[in-house]
């Protein structure tokens, strides 16, 4: 078998993902990680002391899930309040002196919730990061000779500049760091000029390029000859209607990345993202309301919580039981693609959840319905909130752009169709305000789907 045809990047470790043997490896590593974090990371030691827990008290994975409270944006905000926005003190608390002295690259999340979460890269972990993230690239079909256009934000974006490190030891690929900051016109021009065949960026940007390509290039995005769209930072690539549109318009395979260390497979029907790092980070689900552990059973849903198993080499998962605030549904049965790892699908973000008559509604679900009606709509929309979420007084209000070839007389029937499908799929019947095509701002990074029409 040719080297480029092997099933996995790591033929030793990847076959063990999501197996009982891997659970033993995880428990052995986790015990050392708990001791490291308690002894050397002030943020973790403070949380454990507050809970009255010492490392020696944790004798099983179940003990760990119940003894150490998980932490997220609320705890980061509290820490920022304590240090008064002194980032050096914040880093020392989150990373510990040993790791802080080894800090090589510092990026952040986009900070859309108001608190940018630091994503550090330590020198000791560069090679390890490259190995873990190469697993996903190999499964996507990236091979020697490919040219990868990096179109995530390069300015402090956790999925942008670090690509340079991720592909350091990947054979024969060429990186073209274009960056979302370049704007859609230059992105399209550079993708064509340098004959890029792998695009990495947000689903929002990929969708926007479909609209801009005829104007900028004089032809459709299919003319770029991309073979792979590796998309992340928001849930669009996992929404069937969005995925189908992207694959049809580009003539390329769409892969979903992120919300942890994972990536989707090339099965024709979306199966979620395979978790690729059982040996590097421990993954759990918890109930976001009761904070109780949710068993990792096929179809289970909960808040994703992660811990480093090799904390001295940690990527963005630097602390015990950290959540990125994403609600995941997991699938533990074997994937029809034949590759290892449990899978997870992003249901939505915990801080984006709305409640309409007590029914939980996530923007990603609404986006799926809207995109089912393209080209009668452009796909661009906003959810208008007239009071502070999550409670929404019915009806849920949407602004939706009609399609370029849709007449005003067609809108009542189209609105009725959208409402019926929304009621069937999302359990709400929205009120729609129609907008002209190209009215709403397009984003090259994350699209903000919630429009606040209330005073903060």
Protein backbone atom coordinates (compact mmCIF):
# COMPACT_ATOMS: atom_id res chain seq x y z
CA UNK A 1 0.00 0.00 0.00
CA UNK A 2 1.31 3.43 -0.95
CA UNK A 3 2.14 5.68 2.01
CA UNK A 4 -0.47 8.24 0.89
CA UNK A 5 -3.19 5.56 0.89
CA UNK A 6 -2.92 4.53 4.53
CA UNK A 7 -6.17 4.78 6.48
CA UNK A 8 -4.96 7.04 9.29
CA UNK A 9 -2.28 9.64 9.88
CA UNK A 10 -1.36 7.86 13.13
CA UNK A 11 -1.76 4.16 12.46
CA UNK A 12 -0.78 3.29 16.04
CA UNK A 13 -3.10 5.51 18.06
CA UNK A 14 -6.12 6.36 15.89
CA UNK A 15 -7.48 2.79 15.71
CA UNK A 16 -7.78 2.94 19.52
CA UNK A 17 -10.02 6.02 19.64
CA UNK A 18 -13.24 5.45 21.59
CA UNK A 19 -12.26 1.97 22.82
CA UNK A 20 -11.99 0.43 26.32
CA UNK A 21 -8.22 0.31 25.83
CA UNK A 22 -8.23 4.06 25.25
CA UNK A 23 -10.23 4.59 28.46
CA UNK A 24 -7.36 2.96 30.39
CA UNK A 25 -4.84 5.23 28.66
CA UNK A 26 -6.98 8.26 29.47
CA UNK A 27 -7.34 7.41 33.15
CA UNK A 28 -3.59 6.87 33.54
CA UNK A 29 -2.89 10.24 31.88
CA UNK A 30 -5.69 12.07 33.68
CA UNK A 31 -4.39 11.20 37.14
CA UNK A 32 -1.06 12.86 36.29
CA UNK A 33 -2.85 15.82 34.66
CA UNK A 34 -4.97 16.44 37.77
CA UNK A 35 -1.86 16.48 39.94
CA UNK A 36 -0.06 18.82 37.50
CA UNK A 37 -2.97 21.26 37.34
CA UNK A 38 -3.45 21.28 41.10
CA UNK A 39 0.22 21.81 41.87
CA UNK A 40 1.09 24.25 39.08
CA UNK A 41 -2.05 26.02 37.80
CA UNK A 42 -3.58 28.52 40.27
CA UNK A 43 -6.96 28.68 38.48
CA UNK A 44 -7.44 24.92 38.78
CA UNK A 45 -6.11 24.68 42.33
CA UNK A 46 -8.47 27.45 43.47
CA UNK A 47 -11.47 25.71 41.89
CA UNK A 48 -10.59 22.36 43.48
CA UNK A 49 -9.91 23.91 46.89
CA UNK A 50 -13.25 25.72 46.73
CA UNK A 51 -14.93 22.37 45.99
CA UNK A 52 -12.99 20.73 48.84
CA UNK A 53 -11.23 18.29 46.52
CA UNK A 54 -7.61 17.13 46.44
CA UNK A 55 -6.05 15.07 43.61
CA UNK A 56 -5.82 11.99 45.84
CA UNK A 57 -9.60 12.12 46.40
CA UNK A 58 -10.27 11.41 42.71
CA UNK A 59 -10.08 7.67 42.18
CA UNK A 60 -12.08 7.22 38.95
CA UNK A 61 -13.39 9.05 35.90
CA UNK A 62 -16.79 9.24 37.61
CA UNK A 63 -15.20 10.87 40.67
CA UNK A 64 -13.55 13.43 38.39
CA UNK A 65 -16.84 14.31 36.68
CA UNK A 66 -18.57 15.00 39.98
CA UNK A 67 -15.74 16.43 42.09
CA UNK A 68 -14.29 19.18 39.88
CA UNK A 69 -16.80 21.86 38.79
CA UNK A 70 -16.57 22.76 35.12
CA UNK A 71 -15.61 26.31 34.15
CA UNK A 72 -16.47 28.57 31.22
CA UNK A 73 -17.09 32.21 30.31
CA UNK A 74 -18.60 33.09 33.70
CA UNK A 75 -15.51 31.87 35.55
CA UNK A 76 -13.20 33.65 33.08
CA UNK A 77 -15.12 36.89 33.64
CA UNK A 78 -14.79 36.42 37.38
CA UNK A 79 -11.04 35.92 37.01
CA UNK A 80 -10.75 39.04 34.85
CA UNK A 81 -12.59 40.97 37.56
CA UNK A 82 -10.13 39.73 40.16
CA UNK A 83 -7.01 40.71 38.19
CA UNK A 84 -8.45 43.96 36.83
CA UNK A 85 -7.77 43.18 33.15
CA UNK A 86 -4.07 42.59 33.90
CA UNK A 87 -3.50 39.94 31.24
CA UNK A 88 -0.15 38.82 32.68
CA UNK A 89 -1.87 37.96 35.96
CA UNK A 90 -4.68 36.25 34.07
CA UNK A 91 -2.23 34.14 32.06
CA UNK A 92 -0.29 33.21 35.18
CA UNK A 93 -3.52 32.05 36.83
CA UNK A 94 -4.74 30.08 33.79
CA UNK A 95 -1.43 28.64 32.59
CA UNK A 96 0.84 28.57 35.65
CA UNK A 97 4.41 29.88 35.75
CA UNK A 98 5.97 26.81 34.13
CA UNK A 99 3.78 26.93 31.04
CA UNK A 100 3.79 30.72 30.88
CA UNK A 101 7.59 30.68 30.56
CA UNK A 102 7.17 28.23 27.66
CA UNK A 103 4.50 30.28 25.82
CA UNK A 104 5.31 30.46 22.10
CA UNK A 105 2.18 31.72 20.35
CA UNK A 106 -0.89 33.41 21.77
CA UNK A 107 -4.22 33.72 19.95
CA UNK A 108 -7.81 34.14 21.12
CA UNK A 109 -11.34 33.27 20.24
CA UNK A 110 -13.29 35.98 18.43
CA UNK A 111 -14.66 37.30 21.73
CA UNK A 112 -18.22 37.50 20.40
CA UNK A 113 -19.56 37.08 23.94
CA UNK A 114 -17.41 39.94 25.20
CA UNK A 115 -14.55 37.94 26.75
CA UNK A 116 -11.88 36.72 24.30
CA UNK A 117 -10.67 33.34 25.57
CA UNK A 118 -6.88 32.95 25.22
CA UNK A 119 -5.71 30.08 23.00
CA UNK A 120 -2.04 29.48 23.87
CA UNK A 121 0.56 27.35 22.12
CA UNK A 122 3.50 26.18 24.21
CA UNK A 123 6.85 25.23 22.69
CA UNK A 124 6.68 21.77 24.24
CA UNK A 125 3.38 21.17 22.48
CA UNK A 126 4.05 22.39 18.94
CA UNK A 127 4.97 18.95 17.59
CA UNK A 128 2.10 17.32 19.48
CA UNK A 129 -0.42 19.84 18.13
CA UNK A 130 0.81 19.23 14.62
CA UNK A 131 0.38 15.48 15.05
CA UNK A 132 -3.15 15.70 16.47
CA UNK A 133 -4.43 18.17 13.89
CA UNK A 134 -2.78 16.31 11.03
CA UNK A 135 -5.13 13.43 11.84
CA UNK A 136 -8.10 15.47 10.66
CA UNK A 137 -6.32 16.78 7.57
CA UNK A 138 -5.37 13.26 6.52
CA UNK A 139 -8.94 12.05 6.89
CA UNK A 140 -10.16 14.97 4.77
CA UNK A 141 -7.89 13.86 1.94
CA UNK A 142 -5.24 16.58 2.09
CA UNK A 143 -2.15 15.14 0.42
CA UNK A 144 1.29 16.16 -0.85
CA UNK A 145 0.99 18.74 -3.60
CA UNK A 146 -2.11 20.44 -2.18
CA UNK A 147 -2.20 24.19 -1.64
CA UNK A 148 -4.11 25.33 1.42
CA UNK A 149 -5.66 28.80 1.44
CA UNK A 150 -5.90 29.94 5.05
CA UNK A 151 -8.91 32.28 5.04
CA UNK A 152 -9.71 32.35 8.74
CA UNK A 153 -8.76 35.61 10.42
CA UNK A 154 -4.99 35.83 10.80
CA UNK A 155 -5.16 38.59 13.43
CA UNK A 156 -5.31 36.73 16.76
CA UNK A 157 -7.78 34.16 15.42
CA UNK A 158 -7.23 30.72 16.93
CA UNK A 159 -7.87 28.98 13.61
CA UNK A 160 -5.74 31.35 11.52
CA UNK A 161 -2.03 31.86 12.20
CA UNK A 162 -1.62 28.53 14.06
CA UNK A 163 -2.11 26.72 10.74
CA UNK A 164 1.55 27.49 10.10
CA UNK A 165 2.38 25.27 13.07
CA UNK A 166 -0.25 22.63 12.40
CA UNK A 167 1.18 21.79 8.98
CA UNK A 168 4.84 22.06 9.97
CA UNK A 169 5.48 18.34 9.51
CA UNK A 170 2.75 17.62 6.97
CA UNK A 171 4.32 16.26 3.79
CA UNK A 172 4.35 18.29 0.59
CA UNK A 173 1.62 20.88 1.28
CA UNK A 174 1.91 24.60 0.59
CA UNK A 175 0.21 27.15 2.84
CA UNK A 176 -1.18 30.38 1.38
CA UNK A 177 -2.08 32.64 4.36
CA UNK A 178 -4.66 34.97 2.81
CA UNK A 179 -6.68 35.82 5.92
CA UNK A 180 -10.29 36.91 6.25
CA UNK A 181 -9.02 40.48 6.73
CA UNK A 182 -8.08 40.60 3.03
CA UNK A 183 -11.76 40.99 2.07
CA UNK A 184 -13.76 38.90 -0.38
CA UNK A 185 -12.44 40.46 -3.58
CA UNK A 186 -8.79 39.82 -2.74
CA UNK A 187 -9.54 36.39 -1.30
CA UNK A 188 -11.12 35.31 -4.58
CA UNK A 189 -8.28 36.79 -6.61
CA UNK A 190 -5.57 35.10 -4.54
CA UNK A 191 -7.33 31.73 -4.46
CA UNK A 192 -7.35 31.81 -8.27
CA UNK A 193 -3.88 33.31 -8.74
CA UNK A 194 -2.11 30.75 -6.57
CA UNK A 195 -4.30 27.81 -7.70
CA UNK A 196 -5.34 26.96 -4.17
CA UNK A 197 -7.29 23.70 -4.01
CA UNK A 198 -8.05 23.52 -0.26
CA UNK A 199 -10.00 26.38 1.33
CA UNK A 200 -10.11 26.90 5.11
CA UNK A 201 -12.40 29.53 6.62
CA UNK A 202 -15.86 30.11 8.05
CA UNK A 203 -19.04 28.86 6.37
CA UNK A 204 -20.21 32.50 6.29
CA UNK A 205 -17.22 33.47 4.17
CA UNK A 206 -17.62 30.48 1.86
CA UNK A 207 -21.27 31.43 1.29
CA UNK A 208 -20.40 35.07 0.69
CA UNK A 209 -17.79 34.12 -1.93
CA UNK A 210 -20.56 32.37 -3.90
CA UNK A 211 -22.34 35.72 -4.21
CA UNK A 212 -19.20 37.74 -5.02
CA UNK A 213 -17.45 35.40 -7.49
CA UNK A 214 -19.47 36.32 -10.62
CA UNK A 215 -18.78 40.00 -10.01
CA UNK A 216 -15.08 39.63 -9.11
CA UNK A 217 -14.02 36.73 -11.32
CA UNK A 218 -16.65 36.88 -14.03
CA UNK A 219 -17.51 33.24 -13.29
CA UNK A 220 -18.81 31.05 -10.47
CA UNK A 221 -16.79 29.79 -7.50
CA UNK A 222 -16.73 26.37 -9.16
CA UNK A 223 -14.14 27.83 -11.58
CA UNK A 224 -11.64 28.03 -8.69
CA UNK A 225 -11.20 24.26 -8.81
CA UNK A 226 -11.28 23.76 -5.05
CA UNK A 227 -11.48 20.11 -3.98
CA UNK A 228 -11.92 20.62 -0.23
CA UNK A 229 -13.67 23.22 1.94
CA UNK A 230 -12.50 22.84 5.55
CA UNK A 231 -14.90 25.05 7.51
CA UNK A 232 -15.19 25.96 11.16
CA UNK A 233 -15.68 28.60 13.88
CA UNK A 234 -19.48 28.39 13.44
CA UNK A 235 -21.94 25.53 12.85
CA UNK A 236 -22.82 26.08 9.16
CA UNK A 237 -20.85 23.17 7.70
CA UNK A 238 -22.83 20.75 9.84
CA UNK A 239 -26.23 22.06 8.68
CA UNK A 240 -27.42 19.77 5.83
CA UNK A 241 -29.01 22.56 3.77
CA UNK A 242 -25.90 24.78 4.02
CA UNK A 243 -23.61 21.85 3.31
CA UNK A 244 -25.56 20.79 0.22
CA UNK A 245 -25.49 24.31 -1.18
CA UNK A 246 -21.74 24.68 -0.65
CA UNK A 247 -20.91 21.32 -2.20
CA UNK A 248 -23.13 22.03 -5.19
CA UNK A 249 -21.82 25.57 -5.82
CA UNK A 250 -18.13 24.75 -5.36
CA UNK A 251 -18.10 21.20 -6.70
CA UNK A 252 -15.99 20.35 -3.62
CA UNK A 253 -16.23 18.20 -0.50
CA UNK A 254 -17.22 20.12 2.63
CA UNK A 255 -15.68 19.21 5.99
CA UNK A 256 -16.78 20.51 9.37
CA UNK A 257 -14.07 21.34 11.93
CA UNK A 258 -13.76 22.53 15.50
CA UNK A 259 -15.77 22.99 18.69
CA UNK A 260 -13.04 20.83 20.18
CA UNK A 261 -10.50 18.69 18.36
CA UNK A 262 -12.49 17.03 15.62
CA UNK A 263 -13.47 16.93 12.00
CA UNK A 264 -16.17 15.37 9.85
CA UNK A 265 -15.56 12.43 7.53
CA UNK A 266 -16.21 12.09 3.81
CA UNK A 267 -19.36 9.97 4.14
CA UNK A 268 -22.02 11.39 1.76
CA UNK A 269 -24.42 11.94 4.66
CA UNK A 270 -23.14 14.18 7.46
CA UNK A 271 -22.26 12.07 10.50
CA UNK A 272 -21.00 14.79 12.82
CA UNK A 273 -17.35 15.41 13.64
CA UNK A 274 -15.08 12.57 14.72
CA UNK A 275 -13.31 13.36 18.01
CA UNK A 276 -9.66 12.82 17.09
CA UNK A 277 -7.81 13.38 20.34
CA UNK A 278 -8.81 10.82 22.97
CA UNK A 279 -5.14 10.50 23.91
CA UNK A 280 -4.68 14.27 24.26
CA UNK A 281 -7.90 15.62 25.79
CA UNK A 282 -10.67 14.03 27.85
CA UNK A 283 -14.21 14.78 26.61
CA UNK A 284 -17.42 14.76 28.68
CA UNK A 285 -21.03 15.89 28.46
CA UNK A 286 -22.88 17.64 31.27
CA UNK A 287 -26.43 18.84 31.68
CA UNK A 288 -26.19 22.67 31.37
CA UNK A 289 -29.01 23.20 33.89
CA UNK A 290 -28.34 20.57 36.57
CA UNK A 291 -24.57 20.40 35.89
CA UNK A 292 -24.78 16.65 36.33
CA UNK A 293 -22.74 14.33 34.07
CA UNK A 294 -24.54 13.02 30.97
CA UNK A 295 -23.56 9.44 30.04
CA UNK A 296 -21.68 9.19 26.73
CA UNK A 297 -24.36 7.14 25.00
CA UNK A 298 -25.39 7.19 21.35
CA UNK A 299 -27.61 10.22 20.75
CA UNK A 300 -26.94 11.90 24.11
CA UNK A 301 -26.97 15.71 24.22
CA UNK A 302 -25.26 18.08 26.63
CA UNK A 303 -22.71 20.80 27.20
CA UNK A 304 -19.28 19.68 25.96
CA UNK A 305 -16.59 19.79 28.66
CA UNK A 306 -12.90 19.02 28.06
CA UNK A 307 -9.70 18.50 30.06
CA UNK A 308 -6.04 18.29 28.99
CA UNK A 309 -4.39 14.88 29.36
CA UNK A 310 -0.96 16.34 28.59
CA UNK A 311 -1.27 19.77 30.27
CA UNK A 312 2.35 20.79 29.70
CA UNK A 313 1.64 20.52 25.94
CA UNK A 314 -1.89 21.91 26.10
CA UNK A 315 -3.49 23.54 23.09
CA UNK A 316 -6.53 25.69 23.93
CA UNK A 317 -7.71 23.16 26.53
CA UNK A 318 -5.38 24.32 29.32
CA UNK A 319 -7.50 23.75 32.40
CA UNK A 320 -9.49 20.94 33.96
CA UNK A 321 -13.10 20.61 32.84
CA UNK A 322 -13.35 23.64 30.56
CA UNK A 323 -16.37 24.32 28.35
CA UNK A 324 -16.44 26.39 25.15
CA UNK A 325 -20.21 26.75 25.74
CA UNK A 326 -21.22 24.47 22.86
CA UNK A 327 -24.14 22.06 23.15
CA UNK A 328 -23.20 18.79 21.45
CA UNK A 329 -25.03 15.64 20.48
CA UNK A 330 -22.76 12.59 20.47
CA UNK A 331 -22.84 9.40 18.41
CA UNK A 332 -20.92 6.45 19.79
CA UNK A 333 -22.00 3.73 17.36
CA UNK A 334 -19.51 2.88 14.58
CA UNK A 335 -19.55 5.46 11.78
CA UNK A 336 -20.54 4.16 8.31
CA UNK A 337 -17.34 5.74 6.97
CA UNK A 338 -15.43 3.00 8.80
CA UNK A 339 -13.10 5.31 10.71
CA UNK A 340 -12.55 5.53 14.44
CA UNK A 341 -13.65 8.02 17.07
CA UNK A 342 -17.04 8.89 18.52
CA UNK A 343 -18.75 11.74 16.70
CA UNK A 344 -20.31 14.96 17.91
CA UNK A 345 -22.65 17.43 16.25
CA UNK A 346 -23.08 21.05 17.33
CA UNK A 347 -26.68 21.65 18.37
CA UNK A 348 -25.98 25.27 19.28
CA UNK A 349 -24.26 27.50 21.78
CA UNK A 350 -25.57 27.56 25.31
CA UNK A 351 -25.41 31.37 25.32
CA UNK A 352 -27.33 31.58 22.02
CA UNK A 353 -30.25 29.42 23.09
CA UNK A 354 -33.65 31.09 22.91
CA UNK A 355 -36.87 29.90 24.53
CA UNK A 356 -40.14 30.48 22.73
CA UNK A 357 -43.13 29.26 24.76
CA UNK A 358 -40.64 27.12 26.69
CA UNK A 359 -39.29 25.49 23.51
CA UNK A 360 -35.46 25.73 23.17
CA UNK A 361 -34.50 27.23 19.81
CA UNK A 362 -30.96 27.53 18.44
CA UNK A 363 -29.96 29.89 15.61
CA UNK A 364 -28.29 27.00 13.77
CA UNK A 365 -31.64 25.22 13.44
CA UNK A 366 -33.26 28.35 12.01
CA UNK A 367 -30.36 28.76 9.59
CA UNK A 368 -30.97 25.25 8.28
CA UNK A 369 -34.60 26.04 7.48
CA UNK A 370 -33.75 29.35 5.78
CA UNK A 371 -31.12 27.75 3.56
CA UNK A 372 -33.60 25.11 2.45
CA UNK A 373 -35.34 27.89 0.49
CA UNK A 374 -32.31 29.20 -1.44
CA UNK A 375 -32.45 30.64 -4.17
CA UNK A 376 -35.92 31.98 -3.31
CA UNK A 377 -34.12 33.60 -0.39
CA UNK A 378 -30.45 34.65 -0.39
CA UNK A 379 -29.79 32.74 2.82
CA UNK A 380 -29.03 35.90 4.81
CA UNK A 381 -31.25 36.52 7.84
CA UNK A 382 -31.27 37.89 11.36
CA UNK A 383 -33.17 36.96 14.51
CA UNK A 384 -34.54 40.17 16.06
CA UNK A 385 -34.59 40.18 19.86
CA UNK A 386 -36.71 42.85 21.54
CA UNK A 387 -35.81 41.85 25.05
CA UNK A 388 -32.88 40.15 26.73
CA UNK A 389 -32.64 36.43 25.86
CA UNK A 390 -33.21 33.58 26.36
CA UNK A 391 -36.96 34.20 26.76
CA UNK A 392 -38.69 35.36 23.58
CA UNK A 393 -42.25 36.64 23.66
CA UNK A 394 -43.94 35.03 20.61
CA UNK A 395 -43.75 35.36 17.76
CA UNK A 396 -40.04 34.94 17.08
CA UNK A 397 -39.16 37.77 14.68
CA UNK A 398 -36.93 37.25 11.64
CA UNK A 399 -35.54 39.54 8.99
CA UNK A 400 -35.05 37.55 5.78
CA UNK A 401 -33.67 38.63 2.40
CA UNK A 402 -35.80 37.55 -0.55
CA UNK A 403 -34.06 36.01 -3.56
CA UNK A 404 -32.94 38.14 -6.50
CA UNK A 405 -35.59 36.68 -8.82
CA UNK A 406 -38.46 36.71 -6.34
CA UNK A 407 -41.22 39.27 -6.85
CA UNK A 408 -43.05 40.99 -4.04
CA UNK A 409 -46.24 39.20 -5.05
CA UNK A 410 -44.49 35.85 -4.37
CA UNK A 411 -43.64 36.68 -0.78
CA UNK A 412 -46.91 35.76 1.02
CA UNK A 413 -46.82 32.20 -0.32
CA UNK A 414 -43.09 31.88 0.39
CA UNK A 415 -43.56 33.19 3.90
CA UNK A 416 -46.25 30.61 4.55
CA UNK A 417 -43.97 27.81 3.32
CA UNK A 418 -41.12 28.95 5.55
CA UNK A 419 -43.42 29.21 8.56
CA UNK A 420 -44.76 25.71 8.01
CA UNK A 421 -41.29 24.18 7.70
CA UNK A 422 -40.06 26.17 10.68
CA UNK A 423 -43.01 24.93 12.73
CA UNK A 424 -42.34 21.35 11.68
CA UNK A 425 -38.55 21.39 12.21
CA UNK A 426 -37.99 23.95 14.97
CA UNK A 427 -41.44 24.05 16.66
CA UNK A 428 -41.89 27.81 16.21
CA UNK A 429 -43.88 29.87 13.71
CA UNK A 430 -41.93 33.11 13.12
CA UNK A 431 -43.05 36.54 11.98
CA UNK A 432 -41.00 37.50 8.92
CA UNK A 433 -39.97 40.97 7.78
CA UNK A 434 -38.82 40.82 4.17
CA UNK A 435 -35.68 42.63 3.03
CA UNK A 436 -34.27 43.35 -0.40
CA UNK A 437 -31.38 41.12 -1.53
CA UNK A 438 -27.93 42.16 -0.27
CA UNK A 439 -29.37 44.34 2.51
CA UNK A 440 -27.73 42.58 5.47
CA UNK A 441 -24.03 42.87 6.12
CA UNK A 442 -21.97 39.82 5.11
CA UNK A 443 -19.18 38.58 7.36
CA UNK A 444 -15.78 37.20 6.43
CA UNK A 445 -15.43 35.81 9.95
CA UNK A 446 -18.36 34.79 12.16
CA UNK A 447 -21.82 36.02 11.24
CA UNK A 448 -23.81 37.44 14.15
CA UNK A 449 -27.32 36.08 13.61
CA UNK A 450 -28.86 37.78 16.66
CA UNK A 451 -29.88 41.43 16.25
CA UNK A 452 -30.46 43.14 19.60
CA UNK A 453 -33.32 45.62 19.46
CA UNK A 454 -33.33 46.24 23.22
CA UNK A 455 -31.24 48.38 25.54
CA UNK A 456 -28.37 46.60 27.24
